[in-house]
Amino acid sequence: MFSEDSKQPVKWQKSEAYDRIVNYCSYQERSLKDIRSKLISHGIYHNDLEDLINQLVEENIVNELRYASSFVRSKFKYNHWGKNKILGELRFEQIPNSTILKAMEEIDEKEYLLVTKSLIKKKAKSIQKSAASPVILRKKIFSFLVQKGFSYDDINLAFEGIGKL
């Protein structure tokens, strides 16, 4: 994929770009931003770039709702990210807000609360010895969960459901 004399990506001809980008999309959902970057890095610009992207969208090879839904499911299920972090990452990928809102519906509220409680318990267990008081313990857990993308309201709700740590 890289040329011999430098570390620059090999320039694609317009005729081969479609097949290569379809192959790129075939093993993982991609955002339009990812595809645009890939094509630009391989020397496909302007009208050719937009024509290829339009063709991929028309053929449903690229679908931003499908990408966003997959992203939401995987980041919540496997990485235990909160809604705020997922939302921020999808915005970074330049996904439209209406699409993001539809994709966020993939998260079941009951499961979200269970994951939040589970993370609280797991974190409390891991830092119990280092926290001098319950106030410090709660503060550290809050900080951890906010970093994972959970809102203060969701964290408080989960703490209420747990009771005393």
C-alpha atoms as a PDB file:
ATOM      1  CA  MET A   1       0.000   0.000   0.000  1.00  0.00           C
ATOM      2  CA  PHE A   2       3.004   2.304   0.386  1.00  0.00           C
ATOM      3  CA  SER A   3       5.376   3.324  -2.384  1.00  0.00           C
ATOM      4  CA  GLU A   4       8.939   2.026  -2.252  1.00  0.00           C
ATOM      5  CA  ASP A   5      10.855   5.294  -2.063  1.00  0.00           C
ATOM      6  CA  SER A   6       8.779   6.961   0.647  1.00  0.00           C
ATOM      7  CA  LYS A   7       6.198   6.226   3.283  1.00  0.00           C
ATOM      8  CA  GLN A   8       3.465   7.897   1.237  1.00  0.00           C
ATOM      9  CA  PRO A   9       0.424   5.759   0.330  1.00  0.00           C
ATOM     10  CA  VAL A  10       0.315   4.542  -3.245  1.00  0.00           C
ATOM     11  CA  LYS A  11      -1.904   6.688  -5.447  1.00  0.00           C
ATOM     12  CA  TRP A  12      -4.931   4.826  -6.732  1.00  0.00           C
ATOM     13  CA  GLN A  13      -6.271   5.155 -10.242  1.00  0.00           C
ATOM     14  CA  LYS A  14      -9.939   6.102 -10.415  1.00  0.00           C
ATOM     15  CA  SER A  15     -10.704   2.754 -12.048  1.00  0.00           C
ATOM     16  CA  GLU A  16      -9.261   0.750  -9.133  1.00  0.00           C
ATOM     17  CA  ALA A  17     -10.400   3.052  -6.315  1.00  0.00           C
ATOM     18  CA  TYR A  18     -13.964   1.712  -6.237  1.00  0.00           C
ATOM     19  CA  ASP A  19     -12.890  -1.915  -5.793  1.00  0.00           C
ATOM     20  CA  ARG A  20     -10.314  -1.002  -3.167  1.00  0.00           C
ATOM     21  CA  ILE A  21     -12.696   1.120  -1.128  1.00  0.00           C
ATOM     22  CA  VAL A  22     -15.414  -1.555  -1.295  1.00  0.00           C
ATOM     23  CA  ASN A  23     -12.833  -4.014   0.037  1.00  0.00           C
ATOM     24  CA  TYR A  24     -11.943  -1.501   2.774  1.00  0.00           C
ATOM     25  CA  CYS A  25     -15.620  -1.272   3.764  1.00  0.00           C
ATOM     26  CA  SER A  26     -16.275  -5.004   3.563  1.00  0.00           C
ATOM     27  CA  TYR A  27     -14.659  -6.095   6.803  1.00  0.00           C
ATOM     28  CA  GLN A  28     -15.880  -3.284   9.092  1.00  0.00           C
ATOM     29  CA  GLU A  29     -18.519  -0.544   9.121  1.00  0.00           C
ATOM     30  CA  ARG A  30     -16.995   2.794   8.124  1.00  0.00           C
ATOM     31  CA  SER A  31     -18.101   6.391   8.479  1.00  0.00           C
ATOM     32  CA  LEU A  32     -18.116   8.765   5.553  1.00  0.00           C
ATOM     33  CA  LYS A  33     -15.270  10.622   7.257  1.00  0.00           C
ATOM     34  CA  ASP A  34     -13.152   7.424   7.299  1.00  0.00           C
ATOM     35  CA  ILE A  35     -13.842   6.738   3.637  1.00  0.00           C
ATOM     36  CA  ARG A  36     -13.203  10.317   2.575  1.00  0.00           C
ATOM     37  CA  SER A  37      -9.855  10.304   4.429  1.00  0.00           C
ATOM     38  CA  LYS A  38      -8.841   6.990   2.896  1.00  0.00           C
ATOM     39  CA  LEU A  39      -9.654   8.136  -0.625  1.00  0.00           C
ATOM     40  CA  ILE A  40      -7.860  11.466  -0.186  1.00  0.00           C
ATOM     41  CA  SER A  41      -4.775   9.721   1.205  1.00  0.00           C
ATOM     42  CA  HIS A  42      -4.656   7.648  -1.984  1.00  0.00           C
ATOM     43  CA  GLY A  43      -4.975  10.610  -4.337  1.00  0.00           C
ATOM     44  CA  ILE A  44      -8.704  10.643  -5.098  1.00  0.00           C
ATOM     45  CA  TYR A  45     -10.034  14.208  -4.944  1.00  0.00           C
ATOM     46  CA  HIS A  46     -12.931  16.532  -5.781  1.00  0.00           C
ATOM     47  CA  ASN A  47     -15.515  15.197  -8.252  1.00  0.00           C
ATOM     48  CA  ASP A  48     -14.051  11.698  -8.328  1.00  0.00           C
ATOM     49  CA  LEU A  49     -14.166  11.574  -4.534  1.00  0.00           C
ATOM     50  CA  GLU A  50     -17.777  12.739  -4.322  1.00  0.00           C
ATOM     51  CA  ASP A  51     -18.846  10.427  -7.161  1.00  0.00           C
ATOM     52  CA  LEU A  52     -17.339   7.416  -5.396  1.00  0.00           C
ATOM     53  CA  ILE A  53     -18.907   8.339  -2.048  1.00  0.00           C
ATOM     54  CA  ASN A  54     -22.323   8.870  -3.657  1.00  0.00           C
ATOM     55  CA  GLN A  55     -22.067   5.503  -5.390  1.00  0.00           C
ATOM     56  CA  LEU A  56     -21.167   3.775  -2.101  1.00  0.00           C
ATOM     57  CA  VAL A  57     -24.134   5.393  -0.340  1.00  0.00           C
ATOM     58  CA  GLU A  58     -26.541   4.562  -3.185  1.00  0.00           C
ATOM     59  CA  GLU A  59     -25.434   0.920  -3.169  1.00  0.00           C
ATOM     60  CA  ASN A  60     -25.793   0.851   0.650  1.00  0.00           C
ATOM     61  CA  ILE A  61     -22.175  -0.171   1.072  1.00  0.00           C
ATOM     62  CA  VAL A  62     -21.851   2.813   3.399  1.00  0.00           C
ATOM     63  CA  ASN A  63     -24.689   3.697   5.738  1.00  0.00           C
ATOM     64  CA  GLU A  64     -24.111   6.190   8.528  1.00  0.00           C
ATOM     65  CA  LEU A  65     -27.018   4.914  10.653  1.00  0.00           C
ATOM     66  CA  ARG A  66     -25.682   1.379  10.410  1.00  0.00           C
ATOM     67  CA  TYR A  67     -22.198   2.615  11.314  1.00  0.00           C
ATOM     68  CA  ALA A  68     -23.450   4.689  14.258  1.00  0.00           C
ATOM     69  CA  SER A  69     -25.665   1.872  15.588  1.00  0.00           C
ATOM     70  CA  SER A  70     -22.805  -0.588  15.406  1.00  0.00           C
ATOM     71  CA  PHE A  71     -20.487   1.894  17.112  1.00  0.00           C
ATOM     72  CA  VAL A  72     -22.980   2.527  19.927  1.00  0.00           C
ATOM     73  CA  ARG A  73     -23.587  -1.187  20.530  1.00  0.00           C
ATOM     74  CA  SER A  74     -19.926  -2.152  20.566  1.00  0.00           C
ATOM     75  CA  LYS A  75     -18.629   0.749  22.665  1.00  0.00           C
ATOM     76  CA  PHE A  76     -21.371   0.252  25.245  1.00  0.00           C
ATOM     77  CA  LYS A  77     -21.291  -3.533  25.363  1.00  0.00           C
ATOM     78  CA  TYR A  78     -17.541  -4.168  25.216  1.00  0.00           C
ATOM     79  CA  ASN A  79     -15.905  -0.947  26.430  1.00  0.00           C
ATOM     80  CA  HIS A  80     -18.645   0.102  28.871  1.00  0.00           C
ATOM     81  CA  TRP A  81     -18.618   3.656  27.607  1.00  0.00           C
ATOM     82  CA  GLY A  82     -21.304   6.041  28.805  1.00  0.00           C
ATOM     83  CA  LYS A  83     -23.635   7.952  26.527  1.00  0.00           C
ATOM     84  CA  ASN A  84     -21.642  11.198  26.700  1.00  0.00           C
ATOM     85  CA  LYS A  85     -18.426   9.599  25.470  1.00  0.00           C
ATOM     86  CA  ILE A  86     -20.209   7.701  22.695  1.00  0.00           C
ATOM     87  CA  LEU A  87     -22.000  10.884  21.648  1.00  0.00           C
ATOM     88  CA  GLY A  88     -18.728  12.819  21.559  1.00  0.00           C
ATOM     89  CA  GLU A  89     -16.971  10.214  19.449  1.00  0.00           C
ATOM     90  CA  LEU A  90     -19.824  10.064  16.936  1.00  0.00           C
ATOM     91  CA  ARG A  91     -19.778  13.842  16.663  1.00  0.00           C
ATOM     92  CA  PHE A  92     -16.033  13.662  16.077  1.00  0.00           C
ATOM     93  CA  GLU A  93     -16.783  11.265  13.200  1.00  0.00           C
ATOM     94  CA  GLN A  94     -19.089  13.984  11.818  1.00  0.00           C
ATOM     95  CA  ILE A  95     -22.229  11.865  12.073  1.00  0.00           C
ATOM     96  CA  PRO A  96     -25.415  14.007  11.863  1.00  0.00           C
ATOM     97  CA  ASN A  97     -27.211  14.602  15.185  1.00  0.00           C
ATOM     98  CA  SER A  98     -30.450  13.007  13.966  1.00  0.00           C
ATOM     99  CA  THR A  99     -28.534   9.830  13.092  1.00  0.00           C
ATOM    100  CA  ILE A 100     -26.744   9.864  16.443  1.00  0.00           C
ATOM    101  CA  LEU A 101     -30.051  10.122  18.316  1.00  0.00           C
ATOM    102  CA  LYS A 102     -31.502   7.156  16.404  1.00  0.00           C
ATOM    103  CA  ALA A 103     -28.367   5.112  17.066  1.00  0.00           C
ATOM    104  CA  MET A 104     -28.368   5.962  20.784  1.00  0.00           C
ATOM    105  CA  GLU A 105     -31.738   4.215  21.039  1.00  0.00           C
ATOM    106  CA  GLU A 106     -29.733   0.975  20.832  1.00  0.00           C
ATOM    107  CA  ILE A 107     -28.878   1.401  24.521  1.00  0.00           C
ATOM    108  CA  ASP A 108     -31.481  -0.128  26.819  1.00  0.00           C
ATOM    109  CA  GLU A 109     -32.015   2.099  29.882  1.00  0.00           C
ATOM    110  CA  LYS A 110     -32.234  -0.826  32.317  1.00  0.00           C
ATOM    111  CA  GLU A 111     -29.051  -2.351  30.967  1.00  0.00           C
ATOM    112  CA  TYR A 112     -27.379   1.071  31.095  1.00  0.00           C
ATOM    113  CA  LEU A 113     -28.214   1.391  34.795  1.00  0.00           C
ATOM    114  CA  LEU A 114     -26.989  -2.170  35.456  1.00  0.00           C
ATOM    115  CA  VAL A 115     -23.674  -1.459  33.727  1.00  0.00           C
ATOM    116  CA  THR A 116     -23.290   1.774  35.707  1.00  0.00           C
ATOM    117  CA  LYS A 117     -23.907  -0.075  38.986  1.00  0.00           C
ATOM    118  CA  SER A 118     -21.524  -2.840  37.964  1.00  0.00           C
ATOM    119  CA  LEU A 119     -18.769  -0.335  37.191  1.00  0.00           C
ATOM    120  CA  ILE A 120     -19.341   1.402  40.535  1.00  0.00           C
ATOM    121  CA  LYS A 121     -18.990  -1.871  42.426  1.00  0.00           C
ATOM    122  CA  LYS A 122     -15.955  -2.966  40.444  1.00  0.00           C
ATOM    123  CA  LYS A 123     -14.177   0.368  40.895  1.00  0.00           C
ATOM    124  CA  ALA A 124     -15.082   0.538  44.601  1.00  0.00           C
ATOM    125  CA  LYS A 125     -13.602  -2.911  45.122  1.00  0.00           C
ATOM    126  CA  SER A 126     -10.371  -1.986  43.332  1.00  0.00           C
ATOM    127  CA  ILE A 127      -9.763   1.300  45.203  1.00  0.00           C
ATOM    128  CA  GLN A 128     -11.371   0.548  48.582  1.00  0.00           C
ATOM    129  CA  LYS A 129      -8.014   0.195  50.346  1.00  0.00           C
ATOM    130  CA  SER A 130      -6.494   3.369  48.929  1.00  0.00           C
ATOM    131  CA  ALA A 131      -9.504   5.586  49.678  1.00  0.00           C
ATOM    132  CA  ALA A 132      -9.222   7.049  53.178  1.00  0.00           C
ATOM    133  CA  SER A 133     -12.928   7.806  53.570  1.00  0.00           C
ATOM    134  CA  PRO A 134     -16.271   7.051  51.891  1.00  0.00           C
ATOM    135  CA  VAL A 135     -16.342  10.631  50.554  1.00  0.00           C
ATOM    136  CA  ILE A 136     -12.999  10.181  48.792  1.00  0.00           C
ATOM    137  CA  LEU A 137     -14.095   6.765  47.503  1.00  0.00           C
ATOM    138  CA  ARG A 138     -17.292   8.235  46.045  1.00  0.00           C
ATOM    139  CA  LYS A 139     -15.348  11.146  44.503  1.00  0.00           C
ATOM    140  CA  LYS A 140     -12.884   8.775  42.810  1.00  0.00           C
ATOM    141  CA  ILE A 141     -15.704   6.603  41.475  1.00  0.00           C
ATOM    142  CA  PHE A 142     -17.529   9.679  40.144  1.00  0.00           C
ATOM    143  CA  SER A 143     -14.373  10.852  38.428  1.00  0.00           C
ATOM    144  CA  PHE A 144     -13.815   7.431  36.861  1.00  0.00           C
ATOM    145  CA  LEU A 145     -17.393   7.174  35.556  1.00  0.00           C
ATOM    146  CA  VAL A 146     -17.468  10.726  34.200  1.00  0.00           C
ATOM    147  CA  GLN A 147     -14.268   9.913  32.302  1.00  0.00           C
ATOM    148  CA  LYS A 148     -16.044   6.839  30.889  1.00  0.00           C
ATOM    149  CA  GLY A 149     -18.831   9.125  29.636  1.00  0.00           C
ATOM    150  CA  PHE A 150     -21.565   8.682  32.229  1.00  0.00           C
ATOM    151  CA  SER A 151     -23.579  11.732  33.323  1.00  0.00           C
ATOM    152  CA  TYR A 152     -23.793  12.904  36.920  1.00  0.00           C
ATOM    153  CA  ASP A 153     -27.517  12.106  36.960  1.00  0.00           C
ATOM    154  CA  ASP A 154     -26.945   8.532  35.787  1.00  0.00           C
ATOM    155  CA  ILE A 155     -24.166   8.029  38.329  1.00  0.00           C
ATOM    156  CA  ASN A 156     -26.311   9.397  41.171  1.00  0.00           C
ATOM    157  CA  LEU A 157     -29.193   7.149  40.123  1.00  0.00           C
ATOM    158  CA  ALA A 158     -26.900   4.131  40.151  1.00  0.00           C
ATOM    159  CA  PHE A 159     -25.482   5.081  43.568  1.00  0.00           C
ATOM    160  CA  GLU A 160     -29.039   5.335  44.948  1.00  0.00           C
ATOM    161  CA  GLY A 161     -29.779   1.840  43.651  1.00  0.00           C
ATOM    162  CA  ILE A 162     -26.659   0.423  45.296  1.00  0.00           C
ATOM    163  CA  GLY A 163     -26.925   2.039  48.696  1.00  0.00           C
ATOM    164  CA  LYS A 164     -23.855   1.915  50.896  1.00  0.00           C
ATOM    165  CA  LEU A 165     -20.585   0.653  49.393  1.00  0.00           C
END
